[in-house]
Structures are given as C-alpha cells and as structure tokens.
C-alpha cells in the first residue's frame, strides 16, 4: 500500500480521504493492521474523545502496528485526535493511556476559557519544516478542540497557536512524524497544500523530516 488512512471510526475520515485524493493520490482507507504495516505513508485522523479513540484502536489491533510503523521511520501524519493519541496520557474524561510515541500529556484548556476552541486561528512555526513548504508563517487553519498537548520535550513542539492568551503546541513531531491539532482537510488552500507536501515528500523521497534531523 502507498498511502493508508487508518479507519477506527473517526468522524473526519471521509474529508481526509477527499483531501488526499485532491492531491492526486488515491488513499487506501483500512482498519486492517496488516495493511498499516505495509504502508509507505500513514495518516491517522480523528474527531472525538481519547477514551473511545484508544478503545477502538486497541479493539481493532491497530495500536501496536501504528507504533511499529512509526518506529520504522516511515512518514506519519496525525490529525487532531490522531495527534493527541501520540502522547502518553490524555486527561480527557479521566486519565487514559495513549500510544506513548511522544512524551507528555493531553490537558484541558484552563477553566474560564471558551471551549471548545473552534474556528480559524494562526499557526506560527518555530522553524521551517518540509511539510509546511510554501505555506506562509502565520497562516490560518481550522481548529475544533478543548484539549491540547503538554509535551515533556520542548523539541517536539514544531508550531504554536495563541488562543485567549494561552499559547499551546498546534504542530508536534520528530523525525518522520508530524501531527497537527488543527484540521488541514477543513483549512482550505493551505491545508490542502500541507497534504500535498506530506504526500509528495513521502512518496518521492520517503521522508518528511527536516534535513538536519532526517531519520536514517
């Protein structure tokens, strides 16, 4: 398989598949762990709660293959809940163990803030990243979420967004992993450009990592 989108019941699955098709690539949508293992590029989308997401991934036997795929150094894109699932623990509705690919927790915006954070907001990259090639600094993307990452390593924070005075990580990753709190598939021109960049880099070069951190 070339481009695999993991189907674990996420609500934004079809819109992600359409965004990939718009980039000229026919995605393979699957809940089969063996097909995840054979992907050249893997996308985990997501809308919903951490508890349900992790329960569905484990019930389908997808959690281990996703970890193994990431460990192999192949390109991975996580979107919204697909990004939050990469961390160790989510505090959404209690404490829920996640995939543990990235160190840190998923925490709620402080009480008193308007949640969910919903609508268009800017993303400021800390440094250039190949997946954001051609996308201007401070571009707007579409968000819908009440929780956000609190990574243990500042090095995994690739981009940030400010909401009601709170600055939170909106793009995270390392090596061949990149993940966004926002929904590129709902973000118009620049969101589609992000998918195009991810797919081109994955399929033509086998890597999305910045040159100075490229996986070997």
N, C-alpha and C. Protein backbone atom coordinates (compact mmCIF):
# COMPACT_ATOMS: atom_id res chain seq x y z
N UNK A 1 0.83 -1.19 0.00
CA UNK A 1 0.00 0.00 0.00
C UNK A 1 0.88 1.26 0.00
N UNK A 2 0.42 2.28 -0.71
CA UNK A 2 1.16 3.54 -0.69
C UNK A 2 0.71 4.42 0.47
N UNK A 3 -0.46 5.04 0.33
CA UNK A 3 -0.96 5.95 1.36
C UNK A 3 -2.14 5.30 2.07
N UNK A 4 -1.98 5.06 3.35
CA UNK A 4 -3.00 4.39 4.15
C UNK A 4 -3.58 5.38 5.17
N UNK A 5 -4.90 5.47 5.21
CA UNK A 5 -5.62 6.23 6.23
C UNK A 5 -6.25 5.22 7.17
N UNK A 6 -5.95 5.35 8.45
CA UNK A 6 -6.43 4.39 9.44
C UNK A 6 -7.90 4.67 9.77
N UNK A 7 -8.73 3.65 9.62
CA UNK A 7 -10.15 3.75 9.91
C UNK A 7 -10.44 3.08 11.26
N UNK A 8 -10.65 3.91 12.28
CA UNK A 8 -11.04 3.37 13.58
C UNK A 8 -12.35 4.00 14.03
N UNK A 9 -13.12 4.53 13.05
CA UNK A 9 -14.40 5.14 13.34
C UNK A 9 -14.37 6.64 13.51
N UNK A 10 -13.27 7.29 13.11
CA UNK A 10 -13.15 8.74 13.26
C UNK A 10 -14.12 9.47 12.33
N UNK A 11 -14.71 10.55 12.84
CA UNK A 11 -15.73 11.26 12.10
C UNK A 11 -15.23 12.03 10.88
N UNK A 12 -13.94 12.38 10.84
CA UNK A 12 -13.43 13.17 9.72
C UNK A 12 -12.74 12.31 8.66
N UNK A 13 -13.00 11.01 8.69
CA UNK A 13 -12.31 10.08 7.79
C UNK A 13 -12.52 10.44 6.32
N UNK A 14 -13.76 10.69 5.93
CA UNK A 14 -14.05 10.93 4.51
C UNK A 14 -13.45 12.25 4.04
N UNK A 15 -13.47 13.28 4.89
CA UNK A 15 -12.91 14.56 4.47
C UNK A 15 -11.40 14.47 4.31
N UNK A 16 -10.75 13.66 5.15
CA UNK A 16 -9.31 13.43 4.99
C UNK A 16 -9.03 12.68 3.69
N UNK A 17 -9.83 11.66 3.40
CA UNK A 17 -9.65 10.90 2.16
C UNK A 17 -9.85 11.80 0.94
N UNK A 18 -10.81 12.70 1.01
CA UNK A 18 -11.04 13.63 -0.11
C UNK A 18 -9.85 14.57 -0.29
N UNK A 19 -9.28 15.04 0.82
CA UNK A 19 -8.12 15.95 0.73
C UNK A 19 -6.93 15.24 0.10
N UNK A 20 -6.73 13.97 0.44
CA UNK A 20 -5.64 13.20 -0.15
C UNK A 20 -5.89 12.98 -1.64
N UNK A 21 -7.12 12.65 -1.99
CA UNK A 21 -7.46 12.46 -3.41
C UNK A 21 -7.29 13.75 -4.19
N UNK A 22 -7.59 14.89 -3.55
CA UNK A 22 -7.44 16.19 -4.20
C UNK A 22 -5.97 16.44 -4.57
N UNK A 23 -5.07 15.85 -3.79
CA UNK A 23 -3.63 15.99 -4.06
C UNK A 23 -3.16 15.04 -5.16
N UNK A 24 -4.09 14.28 -5.73
CA UNK A 24 -3.75 13.39 -6.84
C UNK A 24 -3.32 12.00 -6.44
N UNK A 25 -3.59 11.63 -5.19
CA UNK A 25 -3.21 10.32 -4.68
C UNK A 25 -4.46 9.60 -4.20
N UNK A 26 -4.65 8.38 -4.62
CA UNK A 26 -5.80 7.60 -4.17
C UNK A 26 -5.43 6.90 -2.86
N UNK A 27 -6.05 7.29 -1.76
CA UNK A 27 -5.69 6.68 -0.48
C UNK A 27 -6.37 5.33 -0.30
N UNK A 28 -5.78 4.53 0.56
CA UNK A 28 -6.39 3.26 0.95
C UNK A 28 -6.86 3.40 2.39
N UNK A 29 -8.17 3.38 2.59
CA UNK A 29 -8.76 3.51 3.92
C UNK A 29 -8.98 2.12 4.49
N UNK A 30 -8.43 1.86 5.66
CA UNK A 30 -8.48 0.50 6.18
C UNK A 30 -8.47 0.44 7.70
N UNK A 31 -9.05 -0.63 8.22
CA UNK A 31 -8.94 -0.95 9.64
C UNK A 31 -8.13 -2.22 9.85
N UNK A 32 -7.45 -2.66 8.79
CA UNK A 32 -6.68 -3.90 8.83
C UNK A 32 -5.25 -3.61 9.30
N UNK A 33 -4.84 -4.16 10.44
CA UNK A 33 -3.49 -3.90 10.96
C UNK A 33 -2.39 -4.30 9.98
N UNK A 34 -2.60 -5.36 9.19
CA UNK A 34 -1.57 -5.81 8.24
C UNK A 34 -1.35 -4.80 7.14
N UNK A 35 -2.40 -4.09 6.75
CA UNK A 35 -2.26 -3.08 5.70
C UNK A 35 -1.57 -1.83 6.25
N UNK A 36 -1.73 -1.57 7.53
CA UNK A 36 -0.97 -0.48 8.17
C UNK A 36 0.52 -0.80 8.10
N UNK A 37 0.87 -2.05 8.36
CA UNK A 37 2.27 -2.45 8.36
C UNK A 37 2.93 -2.26 7.00
N UNK A 38 2.15 -2.35 5.92
CA UNK A 38 2.73 -2.26 4.58
C UNK A 38 2.68 -0.88 3.95
N UNK A 39 2.24 0.14 4.71
CA UNK A 39 2.08 1.49 4.14
C UNK A 39 3.43 2.16 3.87
N UNK A 40 3.43 3.02 2.86
CA UNK A 40 4.58 3.91 2.62
C UNK A 40 4.38 5.26 3.29
N UNK A 41 3.12 5.63 3.51
CA UNK A 41 2.77 6.85 4.23
C UNK A 41 1.49 6.56 5.00
N UNK A 42 1.45 6.95 6.27
CA UNK A 42 0.33 6.61 7.14
C UNK A 42 -0.28 7.88 7.72
N UNK A 43 -1.62 7.95 7.66
CA UNK A 43 -2.35 9.09 8.22
C UNK A 43 -3.36 8.55 9.24
N UNK A 44 -3.32 9.11 10.44
CA UNK A 44 -4.31 8.79 11.47
C UNK A 44 -5.11 10.06 11.74
N UNK A 45 -6.37 10.10 11.29
CA UNK A 45 -7.22 11.27 11.52
C UNK A 45 -7.90 11.15 12.87
N UNK A 46 -8.86 12.04 13.16
CA UNK A 46 -9.58 11.86 14.40
C UNK A 46 -10.48 12.99 14.79
N UNK A 47 -11.65 12.63 15.24
CA UNK A 47 -12.58 13.54 15.89
C UNK A 47 -13.22 12.74 17.00
N UNK A 48 -13.25 13.29 18.21
CA UNK A 48 -13.88 12.54 19.29
C UNK A 48 -13.04 12.54 20.55
N UNK A 49 -13.35 11.60 21.44
CA UNK A 49 -12.73 11.55 22.76
C UNK A 49 -11.60 10.53 22.80
N UNK A 50 -10.64 10.79 23.69
CA UNK A 50 -9.46 9.94 23.80
C UNK A 50 -9.83 8.51 24.21
N UNK A 51 -10.75 8.39 25.17
CA UNK A 51 -11.11 7.06 25.66
C UNK A 51 -11.65 6.19 24.53
N UNK A 52 -12.57 6.74 23.73
CA UNK A 52 -13.14 5.98 22.62
C UNK A 52 -12.10 5.69 21.55
N UNK A 53 -11.27 6.69 21.27
CA UNK A 53 -10.24 6.50 20.24
C UNK A 53 -9.31 5.35 20.59
N UNK A 54 -8.78 5.36 21.81
CA UNK A 54 -7.84 4.32 22.20
C UNK A 54 -8.52 2.96 22.30
N UNK A 55 -9.77 2.95 22.79
CA UNK A 55 -10.51 1.68 22.87
C UNK A 55 -10.71 1.09 21.48
N UNK A 56 -11.04 1.95 20.51
CA UNK A 56 -11.26 1.47 19.15
C UNK A 56 -9.97 0.99 18.49
N UNK A 57 -8.88 1.72 18.72
CA UNK A 57 -7.59 1.30 18.17
C UNK A 57 -7.16 -0.04 18.73
N UNK A 58 -7.33 -0.22 20.04
CA UNK A 58 -6.93 -1.48 20.66
C UNK A 58 -7.83 -2.63 20.24
N UNK A 59 -9.13 -2.36 20.15
CA UNK A 59 -10.07 -3.42 19.77
C UNK A 59 -9.79 -3.93 18.36
N UNK A 60 -9.33 -3.05 17.49
CA UNK A 60 -9.03 -3.44 16.11
C UNK A 60 -7.61 -3.96 15.95
N UNK A 61 -6.83 -3.94 17.04
CA UNK A 61 -5.45 -4.40 16.95
C UNK A 61 -4.55 -3.45 16.18
N UNK A 62 -4.91 -2.15 16.21
CA UNK A 62 -4.18 -1.17 15.41
C UNK A 62 -3.10 -0.44 16.21
N UNK A 63 -3.18 -0.45 17.53
CA UNK A 63 -2.25 0.35 18.32
C UNK A 63 -0.81 -0.11 18.15
N UNK A 64 -0.56 -1.41 18.22
CA UNK A 64 0.79 -1.94 18.05
C UNK A 64 1.34 -1.69 16.66
N UNK A 65 0.59 -2.00 15.59
CA UNK A 65 1.09 -1.73 14.24
C UNK A 65 1.38 -0.25 13.98
N UNK A 66 0.59 0.66 14.57
CA UNK A 66 0.87 2.09 14.39
C UNK A 66 2.20 2.44 15.06
N UNK A 67 2.41 1.95 16.28
CA UNK A 67 3.70 2.19 16.95
C UNK A 67 4.86 1.61 16.14
N UNK A 68 4.68 0.40 15.63
CA UNK A 68 5.75 -0.25 14.86
C UNK A 68 6.03 0.50 13.57
N UNK A 69 4.98 0.96 12.92
CA UNK A 69 5.14 1.74 11.69
C UNK A 69 5.97 2.99 11.98
N UNK A 70 5.61 3.73 13.02
CA UNK A 70 6.35 4.95 13.37
C UNK A 70 7.80 4.63 13.69
N UNK A 71 8.02 3.54 14.43
CA UNK A 71 9.39 3.15 14.80
C UNK A 71 10.23 2.79 13.58
N UNK A 72 9.58 2.41 12.49
CA UNK A 72 10.31 2.04 11.27
C UNK A 72 10.89 3.25 10.54
N UNK A 73 10.44 4.47 10.92
CA UNK A 73 10.98 5.68 10.29
C UNK A 73 10.25 6.12 9.06
N UNK A 74 9.12 5.50 8.74
CA UNK A 74 8.34 5.92 7.57
C UNK A 74 7.46 7.12 7.93
N UNK A 75 7.05 7.90 6.91
CA UNK A 75 6.31 9.15 7.16
C UNK A 75 4.94 8.91 7.79
N UNK A 76 4.64 9.71 8.81
CA UNK A 76 3.38 9.61 9.56
C UNK A 76 2.79 10.99 9.75
N UNK A 77 1.48 11.10 9.53
CA UNK A 77 0.75 12.34 9.77
C UNK A 77 -0.42 12.04 10.70
N UNK A 78 -0.48 12.75 11.84
CA UNK A 78 -1.61 12.64 12.75
C UNK A 78 -2.41 13.93 12.73
N UNK A 79 -3.74 13.81 12.79
CA UNK A 79 -4.62 14.97 12.70
C UNK A 79 -5.58 15.00 13.89
N UNK A 80 -5.57 16.09 14.64
CA UNK A 80 -6.45 16.35 15.78
C UNK A 80 -6.37 15.20 16.79
N UNK A 81 -7.40 14.36 16.92
CA UNK A 81 -7.31 13.25 17.87
C UNK A 81 -6.20 12.30 17.47
N UNK A 82 -5.90 12.21 16.19
CA UNK A 82 -4.79 11.40 15.72
C UNK A 82 -3.45 11.94 16.19
N UNK A 83 -3.39 13.22 16.47
CA UNK A 83 -2.20 13.83 17.08
C UNK A 83 -2.18 13.58 18.58
N UNK A 84 -3.31 13.81 19.25
CA UNK A 84 -3.34 13.65 20.70
C UNK A 84 -3.04 12.22 21.12
N UNK A 85 -3.45 11.25 20.30
CA UNK A 85 -3.21 9.84 20.62
C UNK A 85 -1.74 9.48 20.65
N UNK A 86 -0.87 10.31 20.07
CA UNK A 86 0.56 10.02 20.06
C UNK A 86 1.21 10.18 21.43
N UNK A 87 0.57 10.93 22.33
CA UNK A 87 1.20 11.21 23.63
C UNK A 87 0.97 10.07 24.61
N UNK A 88 1.52 10.23 25.80
CA UNK A 88 1.48 9.14 26.79
C UNK A 88 0.12 9.01 27.46
N UNK A 89 -0.45 10.14 27.85
CA UNK A 89 -1.70 10.12 28.62
C UNK A 89 -2.58 11.27 28.17
N UNK A 90 -3.89 11.03 28.09
CA UNK A 90 -4.86 12.10 27.89
C UNK A 90 -5.69 12.24 29.16
N UNK A 91 -5.92 13.48 29.57
CA UNK A 91 -6.73 13.76 30.75
C UNK A 91 -8.19 14.01 30.39
N UNK A 92 -8.56 13.72 29.16
CA UNK A 92 -9.94 13.95 28.72
C UNK A 92 -10.88 12.90 29.32
N UNK A 93 -11.74 13.33 30.24
CA UNK A 93 -12.68 12.39 30.85
C UNK A 93 -12.01 11.39 31.77
N UNK A 94 -10.99 11.81 32.48
CA UNK A 94 -10.22 10.91 33.34
C UNK A 94 -8.79 10.83 32.84
N UNK A 95 -8.11 9.73 33.12
CA UNK A 95 -6.75 9.52 32.61
C UNK A 95 -6.76 8.30 31.71
N UNK A 96 -6.32 8.48 30.49
CA UNK A 96 -6.36 7.39 29.52
C UNK A 96 -4.98 7.23 28.88
N UNK A 97 -4.46 6.02 28.94
CA UNK A 97 -3.16 5.73 28.33
C UNK A 97 -3.30 5.79 26.82
N UNK A 98 -2.37 6.51 26.20
CA UNK A 98 -2.38 6.63 24.73
C UNK A 98 -1.20 5.85 24.14
N UNK A 99 -0.76 6.20 22.95
CA UNK A 99 0.25 5.40 22.24
C UNK A 99 1.65 5.56 22.81
N UNK A 100 1.94 6.69 23.44
CA UNK A 100 3.25 6.87 24.06
C UNK A 100 4.39 7.06 23.08
N UNK A 101 4.08 7.51 21.88
CA UNK A 101 5.13 7.78 20.89
C UNK A 101 5.88 9.06 21.25
N UNK A 102 5.15 10.06 21.75
CA UNK A 102 5.74 11.31 22.19
C UNK A 102 5.51 11.46 23.70
N UNK A 103 6.49 11.98 24.39
CA UNK A 103 6.35 12.18 25.82
C UNK A 103 5.44 13.36 26.13
N UNK A 104 4.58 13.18 27.13
CA UNK A 104 3.73 14.29 27.54
C UNK A 104 2.29 13.89 27.71
N UNK A 105 1.47 14.88 28.06
CA UNK A 105 0.07 14.66 28.37
C UNK A 105 -0.82 15.56 27.52
N UNK A 106 -2.06 15.14 27.37
CA UNK A 106 -3.08 15.98 26.74
C UNK A 106 -3.92 16.57 27.87
N UNK A 107 -3.98 17.90 27.92
CA UNK A 107 -4.64 18.59 29.03
C UNK A 107 -5.73 19.52 28.50
N UNK A 108 -6.66 19.86 29.37
CA UNK A 108 -7.77 20.74 29.00
C UNK A 108 -7.31 22.19 29.07
N UNK A 109 -7.91 23.03 28.23
CA UNK A 109 -7.71 24.46 28.40
C UNK A 109 -8.19 24.86 29.80
N UNK A 110 -7.54 25.85 30.40
CA UNK A 110 -7.93 26.26 31.75
C UNK A 110 -9.39 26.66 31.85
N UNK A 111 -9.99 26.38 32.99
CA UNK A 111 -11.38 26.78 33.23
C UNK A 111 -11.50 28.29 33.12
N UNK A 112 -12.61 28.74 32.58
CA UNK A 112 -12.82 30.16 32.34
C UNK A 112 -12.61 30.53 30.89
N UNK A 113 -11.92 29.68 30.14
CA UNK A 113 -11.74 29.92 28.71
C UNK A 113 -12.95 29.40 27.94
N UNK A 114 -13.15 29.92 26.75
CA UNK A 114 -14.22 29.46 25.89
C UNK A 114 -13.79 28.16 25.22
N UNK A 115 -14.51 27.08 25.52
CA UNK A 115 -14.21 25.80 24.88
C UNK A 115 -15.50 25.23 24.29
N UNK A 116 -15.39 24.52 23.18
CA UNK A 116 -14.12 24.24 22.50
C UNK A 116 -13.54 25.47 21.80
N UNK A 117 -12.24 25.43 21.60
CA UNK A 117 -11.57 26.37 20.70
C UNK A 117 -12.00 25.96 19.30
N UNK A 118 -12.85 26.77 18.68
CA UNK A 118 -13.44 26.37 17.40
C UNK A 118 -13.38 27.52 16.41
N UNK A 119 -12.84 27.23 15.25
CA UNK A 119 -12.77 28.21 14.19
C UNK A 119 -11.34 28.39 13.69
N UNK A 120 -11.13 29.49 12.98
CA UNK A 120 -9.85 29.75 12.31
C UNK A 120 -8.89 30.44 13.27
N UNK A 121 -7.63 30.00 13.22
CA UNK A 121 -6.60 30.61 14.04
C UNK A 121 -5.26 30.41 13.35
N UNK A 122 -4.29 31.20 13.75
CA UNK A 122 -2.99 31.17 13.08
C UNK A 122 -2.06 30.13 13.70
N UNK A 123 -1.12 29.67 12.89
CA UNK A 123 -0.08 28.74 13.33
C UNK A 123 1.27 29.38 13.04
N UNK A 124 2.10 29.46 14.05
CA UNK A 124 3.45 30.00 13.90
C UNK A 124 4.48 28.90 14.10
N UNK A 125 5.21 28.58 13.05
CA UNK A 125 6.22 27.55 13.12
C UNK A 125 7.46 28.07 13.85
N UNK A 126 8.05 27.21 14.65
CA UNK A 126 9.29 27.59 15.34
C UNK A 126 10.49 27.58 14.40
N UNK A 127 10.42 26.74 13.38
CA UNK A 127 11.48 26.64 12.37
C UNK A 127 10.84 26.10 11.10
N UNK A 128 11.45 26.32 9.94
CA UNK A 128 10.88 25.77 8.71
C UNK A 128 10.76 24.25 8.77
N UNK A 129 9.70 23.73 8.20
CA UNK A 129 9.50 22.28 8.15
C UNK A 129 9.04 21.92 6.74
N UNK A 130 9.57 20.82 6.17
CA UNK A 130 9.23 20.47 4.78
C UNK A 130 7.73 20.32 4.52
N UNK A 131 6.97 19.87 5.50
CA UNK A 131 5.53 19.68 5.29
C UNK A 131 4.82 21.03 5.15
N UNK A 132 5.46 22.10 5.63
CA UNK A 132 4.88 23.44 5.51
C UNK A 132 5.52 24.26 4.39
N UNK A 133 6.21 23.60 3.49
CA UNK A 133 6.85 24.31 2.38
C UNK A 133 5.81 25.08 1.57
N UNK A 134 6.07 26.36 1.33
CA UNK A 134 5.17 27.19 0.53
C UNK A 134 3.98 27.73 1.30
N UNK A 135 3.87 27.41 2.59
CA UNK A 135 2.77 27.90 3.43
C UNK A 135 3.31 29.05 4.27
N UNK A 136 2.74 30.24 4.14
CA UNK A 136 3.30 31.40 4.86
C UNK A 136 3.21 31.25 6.37
N UNK A 137 4.21 31.78 7.04
CA UNK A 137 4.19 31.84 8.51
C UNK A 137 2.94 32.60 8.94
N UNK A 138 2.28 32.11 9.98
CA UNK A 138 1.09 32.78 10.48
C UNK A 138 -0.17 32.51 9.69
N UNK A 139 -0.15 31.48 8.85
CA UNK A 139 -1.35 31.14 8.07
C UNK A 139 -2.45 30.62 9.00
N UNK A 140 -3.69 30.78 8.53
CA UNK A 140 -4.85 30.34 9.31
C UNK A 140 -5.23 28.90 8.98
N UNK A 141 -5.58 28.16 10.04
CA UNK A 141 -6.08 26.80 9.91
C UNK A 141 -7.30 26.65 10.81
N UNK A 142 -8.06 25.57 10.59
CA UNK A 142 -9.33 25.39 11.29
C UNK A 142 -9.18 24.44 12.48
N UNK A 143 -9.62 24.90 13.64
CA UNK A 143 -9.50 24.15 14.90
C UNK A 143 -10.87 23.80 15.46
N UNK A 144 -10.96 22.63 16.10
CA UNK A 144 -12.11 22.27 16.94
C UNK A 144 -11.57 21.36 18.05
N UNK A 145 -11.36 21.89 19.25
CA UNK A 145 -10.82 21.06 20.33
C UNK A 145 -10.93 21.78 21.67
N UNK A 146 -10.96 20.99 22.73
CA UNK A 146 -10.98 21.52 24.10
C UNK A 146 -9.73 21.14 24.87
N UNK A 147 -8.93 20.22 24.31
CA UNK A 147 -7.71 19.73 24.95
C UNK A 147 -6.54 19.97 24.00
N UNK A 148 -5.35 20.03 24.57
CA UNK A 148 -4.16 20.28 23.76
C UNK A 148 -2.95 19.59 24.39
N UNK A 149 -1.86 19.43 23.65
CA UNK A 149 -0.69 18.74 24.20
C UNK A 149 0.10 19.58 25.19
N UNK A 150 0.68 18.88 26.16
CA UNK A 150 1.70 19.46 27.04
C UNK A 150 2.90 18.52 26.98
N UNK A 151 3.76 18.69 25.98
CA UNK A 151 4.87 17.74 25.79
C UNK A 151 5.92 17.85 26.90
N UNK A 152 6.59 16.74 27.16
CA UNK A 152 7.69 16.77 28.12
C UNK A 152 8.95 17.35 27.50
N UNK A 153 9.08 17.24 26.19
CA UNK A 153 10.25 17.78 25.49
C UNK A 153 9.83 18.93 24.59
N UNK A 154 10.44 20.09 24.84
CA UNK A 154 10.14 21.26 24.01
C UNK A 154 10.54 21.04 22.56
N UNK A 155 11.47 20.11 22.34
CA UNK A 155 11.96 19.86 20.98
C UNK A 155 10.89 19.26 20.08
N UNK A 156 9.85 18.66 20.66
CA UNK A 156 8.79 18.07 19.84
C UNK A 156 7.76 19.09 19.39
N UNK A 157 7.85 20.33 19.90
CA UNK A 157 6.91 21.39 19.51
C UNK A 157 7.43 22.05 18.23
N UNK A 158 6.72 21.86 17.14
CA UNK A 158 7.13 22.41 15.85
C UNK A 158 6.43 23.72 15.52
N UNK A 159 5.21 23.89 16.05
CA UNK A 159 4.45 25.11 15.80
C UNK A 159 3.51 25.41 16.95
N UNK A 160 3.12 26.69 17.08
CA UNK A 160 2.30 27.12 18.21
C UNK A 160 1.15 28.00 17.74
N UNK A 161 0.11 28.04 18.59
CA UNK A 161 -1.06 28.88 18.33
C UNK A 161 -1.45 29.55 19.64
N UNK A 162 -1.89 30.80 19.55
CA UNK A 162 -2.36 31.53 20.73
C UNK A 162 -3.88 31.60 20.72
N UNK A 163 -4.49 31.25 21.86
CA UNK A 163 -5.94 31.30 22.00
C UNK A 163 -6.30 31.87 23.37
N UNK A 164 -6.99 32.99 23.37
CA UNK A 164 -7.42 33.66 24.61
C UNK A 164 -6.27 33.78 25.62
N UNK A 165 -5.11 34.17 25.11
CA UNK A 165 -3.96 34.43 25.96
C UNK A 165 -3.11 33.22 26.28
N UNK A 166 -3.55 32.03 25.87
CA UNK A 166 -2.79 30.80 26.10
C UNK A 166 -2.10 30.39 24.82
N UNK A 167 -0.79 30.15 24.87
CA UNK A 167 -0.05 29.63 23.71
C UNK A 167 0.11 28.12 23.89
N UNK A 168 -0.34 27.36 22.91
CA UNK A 168 -0.28 25.90 23.01
C UNK A 168 0.36 25.31 21.75
N UNK A 169 0.93 24.10 21.85
CA UNK A 169 1.51 23.45 20.68
C UNK A 169 0.41 23.03 19.71
N UNK A 170 0.48 23.51 18.48
CA UNK A 170 -0.52 23.13 17.47
C UNK A 170 0.08 22.26 16.38
N UNK A 171 1.41 22.15 16.35
CA UNK A 171 2.10 21.20 15.46
C UNK A 171 3.19 20.54 16.28
N UNK A 172 3.21 19.22 16.29
CA UNK A 172 4.23 18.49 17.05
C UNK A 172 4.84 17.42 16.15
N UNK A 173 5.97 16.89 16.61
CA UNK A 173 6.56 15.79 15.86
C UNK A 173 8.04 15.66 16.11
N UNK A 174 8.61 14.67 15.44
CA UNK A 174 10.05 14.47 15.44
C UNK A 174 10.35 13.53 14.28
N UNK A 175 11.52 13.68 13.70
CA UNK A 175 11.95 12.83 12.59
C UNK A 175 10.84 12.73 11.54
N UNK A 176 10.33 11.51 11.29
CA UNK A 176 9.34 11.31 10.24
C UNK A 176 7.90 11.37 10.74
N UNK A 177 7.71 11.94 11.91
CA UNK A 177 6.37 12.12 12.47
C UNK A 177 6.03 13.60 12.51
N UNK A 178 4.87 13.95 11.98
CA UNK A 178 4.34 15.30 12.14
C UNK A 178 2.86 15.17 12.42
N UNK A 179 2.36 16.02 13.31
CA UNK A 179 0.95 15.93 13.68
C UNK A 179 0.42 17.32 14.01
N UNK A 180 -0.85 17.55 13.68
CA UNK A 180 -1.45 18.86 13.85
C UNK A 180 -2.69 18.79 14.73
N UNK A 181 -2.86 19.80 15.60
CA UNK A 181 -4.08 19.89 16.38
C UNK A 181 -5.23 20.37 15.50
N UNK A 182 -4.92 21.17 14.50
CA UNK A 182 -5.95 21.67 13.58
C UNK A 182 -6.28 20.62 12.51
N UNK A 183 -7.32 20.92 11.74
CA UNK A 183 -7.76 20.02 10.67
C UNK A 183 -7.34 20.59 9.31
N UNK A 184 -6.25 20.07 8.72
CA UNK A 184 -5.85 20.58 7.40
C UNK A 184 -6.95 20.37 6.35
N UNK A 185 -7.69 19.28 6.46
CA UNK A 185 -8.70 18.96 5.45
C UNK A 185 -9.88 19.94 5.48
N UNK A 186 -9.98 20.75 6.54
CA UNK A 186 -11.03 21.76 6.64
C UNK A 186 -10.47 23.17 6.54
N UNK A 187 -9.20 23.27 6.12
CA UNK A 187 -8.48 24.54 6.21
C UNK A 187 -8.19 25.18 4.86
N UNK A 188 -8.96 24.82 3.85
CA UNK A 188 -8.82 25.49 2.57
C UNK A 188 -7.47 25.29 1.90
N UNK A 189 -7.02 26.34 1.25
CA UNK A 189 -5.83 26.28 0.39
C UNK A 189 -4.59 25.76 1.12
N UNK A 190 -4.31 26.32 2.30
CA UNK A 190 -3.07 25.94 2.97
C UNK A 190 -3.15 24.55 3.59
N UNK A 191 -4.34 24.15 4.00
CA UNK A 191 -4.50 22.78 4.49
C UNK A 191 -4.28 21.75 3.39
N UNK A 192 -4.82 22.05 2.21
CA UNK A 192 -4.60 21.14 1.09
C UNK A 192 -3.12 21.13 0.69
N UNK A 193 -2.47 22.27 0.79
CA UNK A 193 -1.03 22.33 0.48
C UNK A 193 -0.25 21.45 1.46
N UNK A 194 -0.65 21.45 2.73
CA UNK A 194 0.03 20.61 3.70
C UNK A 194 -0.08 19.13 3.32
N UNK A 195 -1.27 18.69 2.93
CA UNK A 195 -1.43 17.31 2.48
C UNK A 195 -0.60 17.03 1.25
N UNK A 196 -0.60 17.96 0.30
CA UNK A 196 0.20 17.77 -0.93
C UNK A 196 1.68 17.62 -0.59
N UNK A 197 2.18 18.47 0.30
CA UNK A 197 3.58 18.38 0.69
C UNK A 197 3.89 17.05 1.37
N UNK A 198 3.04 16.66 2.31
CA UNK A 198 3.26 15.40 3.02
C UNK A 198 3.30 14.23 2.05
N UNK A 199 2.38 14.19 1.11
CA UNK A 199 2.30 13.07 0.18
C UNK A 199 3.47 13.07 -0.79
N UNK A 200 3.82 14.24 -1.30
CA UNK A 200 4.95 14.32 -2.24
C UNK A 200 6.25 13.88 -1.57
N UNK A 201 6.50 14.40 -0.39
CA UNK A 201 7.73 14.05 0.33
C UNK A 201 7.75 12.56 0.67
N UNK A 202 6.61 12.03 1.09
CA UNK A 202 6.53 10.63 1.48
C UNK A 202 6.78 9.70 0.31
N UNK A 203 6.12 9.97 -0.80
CA UNK A 203 6.16 9.04 -1.93
C UNK A 203 7.37 9.23 -2.83
N UNK A 204 7.87 10.47 -2.91
CA UNK A 204 9.02 10.72 -3.79
C UNK A 204 10.35 10.58 -3.06
N UNK A 205 10.36 10.92 -1.78
CA UNK A 205 11.62 10.93 -1.04
C UNK A 205 11.65 9.95 0.14
N UNK A 206 10.48 9.47 0.54
CA UNK A 206 10.44 8.52 1.65
C UNK A 206 10.70 9.15 3.00
N UNK A 207 10.70 10.50 3.07
CA UNK A 207 10.99 11.18 4.32
C UNK A 207 10.32 12.54 4.34
N UNK A 208 9.80 12.93 5.50
CA UNK A 208 9.27 14.28 5.70
C UNK A 208 10.12 15.05 6.70
N UNK A 209 11.18 14.45 7.17
CA UNK A 209 11.99 15.06 8.22
C UNK A 209 12.80 16.24 7.70
N UNK A 210 12.95 17.30 8.49
CA UNK A 210 13.89 18.35 8.14
C UNK A 210 15.28 17.77 7.92
N UNK A 211 16.06 18.40 7.05
CA UNK A 211 17.35 17.84 6.65
C UNK A 211 18.26 17.58 7.84
N UNK A 212 18.22 18.47 8.86
CA UNK A 212 19.15 18.33 9.99
C UNK A 212 18.72 17.24 10.98
N UNK A 213 17.47 16.72 10.82
CA UNK A 213 17.03 15.66 11.72
C UNK A 213 16.56 14.42 10.97
N UNK A 214 16.90 14.33 9.69
CA UNK A 214 16.39 13.23 8.87
C UNK A 214 16.68 11.89 9.48
N UNK A 215 15.66 11.05 9.49
CA UNK A 215 15.81 9.71 10.04
C UNK A 215 16.71 8.87 9.14
N UNK A 216 17.48 7.99 9.72
CA UNK A 216 18.38 7.15 8.94
C UNK A 216 17.91 5.72 8.97
